[in-house]
Amino acid sequence: VTGMSGSLRTAYLSLTKQKSSDALHIIYVGGLFLGGAGVRMLIPSALENGGYGSLMLIAGGVLTGMGTTIGHGCTSGHGLCGLARLSKRSLLGVVSFFSTGLLTATVLHPFFHKNWVPTRTQPSLVPVHDTLPVSVILGAFLTLYGFTQTEISRGLAASFCSILFAFGLGISGMLQPTKIHGFLALTTCRKLRL
């Protein structure tokens, strides 16, 4: 369990000096950017180009962040760790997260299914608004900054875990929003295969 919402929040609070510096979370977030750039360069078929606009993806990210803050954790934390500890709060959280996801995907499906025609971006056809350079620069900055504040072995472990996690998401298809939405939308039962 990566504790993604906690790592991102802790890295943000550390970087903005609202909390004492936590180098491992900063390195972890930096490694996610580097891992994403690596997936983009080495496995471009793992990513979609199309299907959703940037505004919808940003709004979804913000709402998810708000939900993980209100729910005191994300789906993986509650679903894997909390349920294993037989936590009632985690059970309620998982039921809430999953049912809300199913409901939202099913309600939005009629409005957006026509736009769900993702295309594969080939490495030679890099769009003008490509985020690859930003990901590499931001990831390198966060990682190097974090390494100045911790032991090298701990920093390497955090980097390795986050880059491995990013590649795992790419290989599993979890970086394809239309695939995830198609799985959750009850009106698309024929696509219930991740």
Protein backbone atom coordinates (compact mmCIF):
# COMPACT_ATOMS: atom_id res chain seq x y z
CA VAL A 1 0.00 0.00 0.00
CA THR A 2 1.60 3.24 -1.06
CA GLY A 3 -0.40 5.63 1.09
CA MET A 4 -0.52 7.95 -1.91
CA SER A 5 -2.75 10.61 -0.40
CA GLY A 6 -0.62 10.75 2.75
CA SER A 7 2.65 10.87 0.80
CA LEU A 8 1.47 13.69 -1.43
CA ARG A 9 0.09 15.69 1.49
CA THR A 10 3.23 15.19 3.60
CA ALA A 11 5.50 16.14 0.69
CA TYR A 12 3.45 19.29 0.06
CA LEU A 13 3.47 20.31 3.73
CA SER A 14 7.23 19.66 3.91
CA LEU A 15 8.02 21.67 0.78
CA THR A 16 5.88 24.61 1.90
CA LYS A 17 7.50 24.54 5.36
CA GLN A 18 4.17 23.92 7.09
CA LYS A 19 5.69 20.80 8.60
CA SER A 20 9.20 19.62 9.39
CA SER A 21 10.85 18.21 6.30
CA ASP A 22 10.09 14.59 5.44
CA ALA A 23 12.61 13.71 2.76
CA LEU A 24 11.30 10.23 2.01
CA HIS A 25 7.85 11.46 1.01
CA ILE A 26 9.40 14.18 -1.16
CA ILE A 27 11.64 11.59 -2.86
CA TYR A 28 8.69 9.23 -3.28
CA VAL A 29 6.59 11.86 -5.06
CA GLY A 30 9.59 12.83 -7.20
CA GLY A 31 10.06 9.19 -8.13
CA LEU A 32 6.44 8.99 -9.26
CA PHE A 33 7.07 11.82 -11.70
CA LEU A 34 10.24 10.12 -12.93
CA GLY A 35 8.44 6.77 -13.15
CA GLY A 36 5.64 8.37 -15.15
CA ALA A 37 8.19 9.87 -17.52
CA GLY A 38 9.84 6.45 -17.80
CA VAL A 39 6.53 4.80 -18.65
CA ARG A 40 5.90 7.52 -21.26
CA MET A 41 9.28 6.91 -22.89
CA LEU A 42 9.56 3.11 -22.57
CA ILE A 43 5.94 1.90 -22.69
CA PRO A 44 3.96 4.56 -24.58
CA SER A 45 1.17 2.04 -25.27
CA ALA A 46 0.37 2.11 -21.53
CA LEU A 47 -0.96 5.67 -21.85
CA GLU A 48 -4.03 7.06 -23.57
CA ASN A 49 -4.27 10.24 -25.55
CA GLY A 50 -7.90 11.18 -25.69
CA GLY A 51 -11.12 10.26 -24.03
CA TYR A 52 -11.10 12.95 -21.35
CA GLY A 53 -10.18 16.59 -21.25
CA SER A 54 -7.54 17.98 -18.91
CA LEU A 55 -10.15 19.94 -16.95
CA MET A 56 -12.14 16.78 -16.18
CA LEU A 57 -9.00 14.92 -15.09
CA ILE A 58 -7.91 17.81 -12.85
CA ALA A 59 -11.39 18.12 -11.33
CA GLY A 60 -11.44 14.37 -10.69
CA GLY A 61 -8.04 14.58 -9.01
CA VAL A 62 -9.10 17.47 -6.79
CA LEU A 63 -12.33 15.72 -5.76
CA THR A 64 -10.42 12.51 -5.06
CA GLY A 65 -7.93 14.44 -2.93
CA MET A 66 -10.73 16.05 -0.98
CA GLY A 67 -12.36 12.66 -0.47
CA THR A 68 -9.19 11.04 0.81
CA THR A 69 -8.71 13.90 3.25
CA ILE A 70 -12.27 13.69 4.53
CA GLY A 71 -12.12 9.87 4.64
CA HIS A 72 -8.73 9.85 6.37
CA GLY A 73 -7.10 7.72 3.70
CA CYS A 74 -7.42 6.36 0.20
CA THR A 75 -9.00 3.22 -1.19
CA SER A 76 -5.83 1.17 -1.00
CA GLY A 77 -5.12 2.16 2.60
CA HIS A 78 -8.64 1.42 3.78
CA GLY A 79 -9.20 -1.53 1.44
CA LEU A 80 -5.97 -3.40 2.08
CA CYS A 81 -4.75 -2.34 5.49
CA GLY A 82 -7.97 -1.26 7.19
CA LEU A 83 -10.02 -4.28 6.16
CA ALA A 84 -7.17 -6.60 7.15
CA ARG A 85 -7.36 -5.05 10.64
CA LEU A 86 -11.15 -5.50 10.62
CA SER A 87 -11.65 -1.75 10.94
CA LYS A 88 -15.31 -0.72 10.80
CA ARG A 89 -14.32 2.76 9.55
CA SER A 90 -12.35 1.19 6.70
CA LEU A 91 -15.24 -1.09 5.76
CA LEU A 92 -17.56 1.90 5.63
CA GLY A 93 -14.95 3.83 3.63
CA VAL A 94 -14.46 1.05 1.05
CA VAL A 95 -18.22 0.60 0.59
CA SER A 96 -18.58 4.37 0.23
CA PHE A 97 -15.64 4.78 -2.20
CA PHE A 98 -16.63 1.89 -4.43
CA SER A 99 -20.36 2.61 -4.53
CA THR A 100 -19.69 6.29 -5.29
CA GLY A 101 -17.30 5.26 -8.07
CA LEU A 102 -19.87 2.89 -9.57
CA LEU A 103 -22.64 5.47 -9.33
CA THR A 104 -20.54 8.29 -10.79
CA ALA A 105 -19.20 6.20 -13.68
CA THR A 106 -22.65 4.85 -14.49
CA VAL A 107 -24.32 8.28 -14.40
CA LEU A 108 -21.58 9.93 -16.49
CA HIS A 109 -21.37 7.11 -19.05
CA PRO A 110 -24.25 8.30 -21.28
CA PHE A 111 -22.73 11.78 -21.46
CA PHE A 112 -19.13 10.83 -22.16
CA HIS A 113 -19.10 7.41 -23.84
CA LYS A 114 -18.91 8.97 -27.32
CA ASN A 115 -15.63 10.60 -26.32
CA TRP A 116 -14.18 7.33 -25.06
CA VAL A 117 -12.12 6.66 -28.11
CA PRO A 118 -8.58 6.75 -26.80
CA THR A 119 -5.69 6.81 -29.20
CA ARG A 120 -2.21 5.54 -28.60
CA THR A 121 0.49 8.18 -28.77
CA GLN A 122 3.54 6.92 -30.59
CA PRO A 123 6.95 8.15 -29.37
CA SER A 124 7.57 9.95 -32.67
CA LEU A 125 4.27 11.85 -32.47
CA VAL A 126 4.84 13.87 -29.31
CA PRO A 127 2.08 16.48 -28.94
CA VAL A 128 2.96 20.14 -28.42
CA HIS A 129 1.55 20.10 -24.87
CA ASP A 130 3.60 17.06 -23.86
CA THR A 131 4.24 16.91 -20.13
CA LEU A 132 7.32 14.69 -20.36
CA PRO A 133 9.91 17.48 -19.84
CA VAL A 134 7.95 18.87 -16.90
CA SER A 135 7.71 15.41 -15.32
CA VAL A 136 11.43 14.80 -15.68
CA ILE A 137 12.43 18.22 -14.32
CA LEU A 138 9.96 18.16 -11.43
CA GLY A 139 10.77 14.55 -10.56
CA ALA A 140 14.52 15.18 -10.66
CA PHE A 141 14.20 18.33 -8.55
CA LEU A 142 12.06 16.66 -5.86
CA THR A 143 14.24 13.57 -5.77
CA LEU A 144 17.53 15.48 -5.58
CA TYR A 145 16.12 17.88 -2.99
CA GLY A 146 14.99 14.93 -0.86
CA PHE A 147 18.37 13.22 -1.17
CA THR A 148 20.02 16.25 0.43
CA GLN A 149 18.01 15.58 3.60
CA THR A 150 18.28 11.82 4.15
CA GLU A 151 20.60 8.84 3.99
CA ILE A 152 21.33 7.64 0.47
CA SER A 153 20.13 4.07 1.13
CA ARG A 154 16.76 5.27 2.41
CA GLY A 155 16.42 7.70 -0.48
CA LEU A 156 17.25 4.98 -3.01
CA ALA A 157 14.64 2.70 -1.47
CA ALA A 158 11.97 5.41 -1.68
CA SER A 159 12.92 6.19 -5.30
CA PHE A 160 12.91 2.54 -6.31
CA CYS A 161 9.49 1.92 -4.72
CA SER A 162 7.84 4.90 -6.39
CA ILE A 163 9.34 4.25 -9.83
CA LEU A 164 8.35 0.58 -9.58
CA PHE A 165 4.83 1.62 -8.56
CA ALA A 166 4.55 3.94 -11.59
CA PHE A 167 5.65 1.17 -13.95
CA GLY A 168 3.24 -1.26 -12.26
CA LEU A 169 0.37 1.12 -12.93
CA GLY A 170 1.43 1.39 -16.57
CA ILE A 171 1.81 -2.34 -17.14
CA SER A 172 -1.51 -3.14 -15.43
CA GLY A 173 -3.46 -0.64 -17.55
CA MET A 174 -4.36 1.55 -14.58
CA LEU A 175 -3.11 4.65 -16.44
CA GLN A 176 -5.92 4.38 -18.96
CA PRO A 177 -8.86 6.39 -17.58
CA THR A 178 -11.33 5.14 -20.17
CA LYS A 179 -10.54 1.54 -19.21
CA ILE A 180 -11.14 2.26 -15.52
CA HIS A 181 -14.34 4.20 -16.25
CA GLY A 182 -15.55 1.42 -18.53
CA PHE A 183 -14.96 -1.09 -15.74
CA LEU A 184 -16.89 0.94 -13.18
CA ALA A 185 -19.84 1.96 -15.38
CA LEU A 186 -22.58 -0.62 -14.79
CA THR A 187 -24.01 0.10 -18.25
CA THR A 188 -20.88 -1.38 -19.86
CA CYS A 189 -21.00 -4.86 -18.32
CA ARG A 190 -19.40 -6.34 -21.43
CA LYS A 191 -16.15 -4.51 -20.47
CA LEU A 192 -15.83 -5.92 -16.95
CA ARG A 193 -12.27 -7.00 -17.61
CA LEU A 194 -9.28 -5.09 -16.31
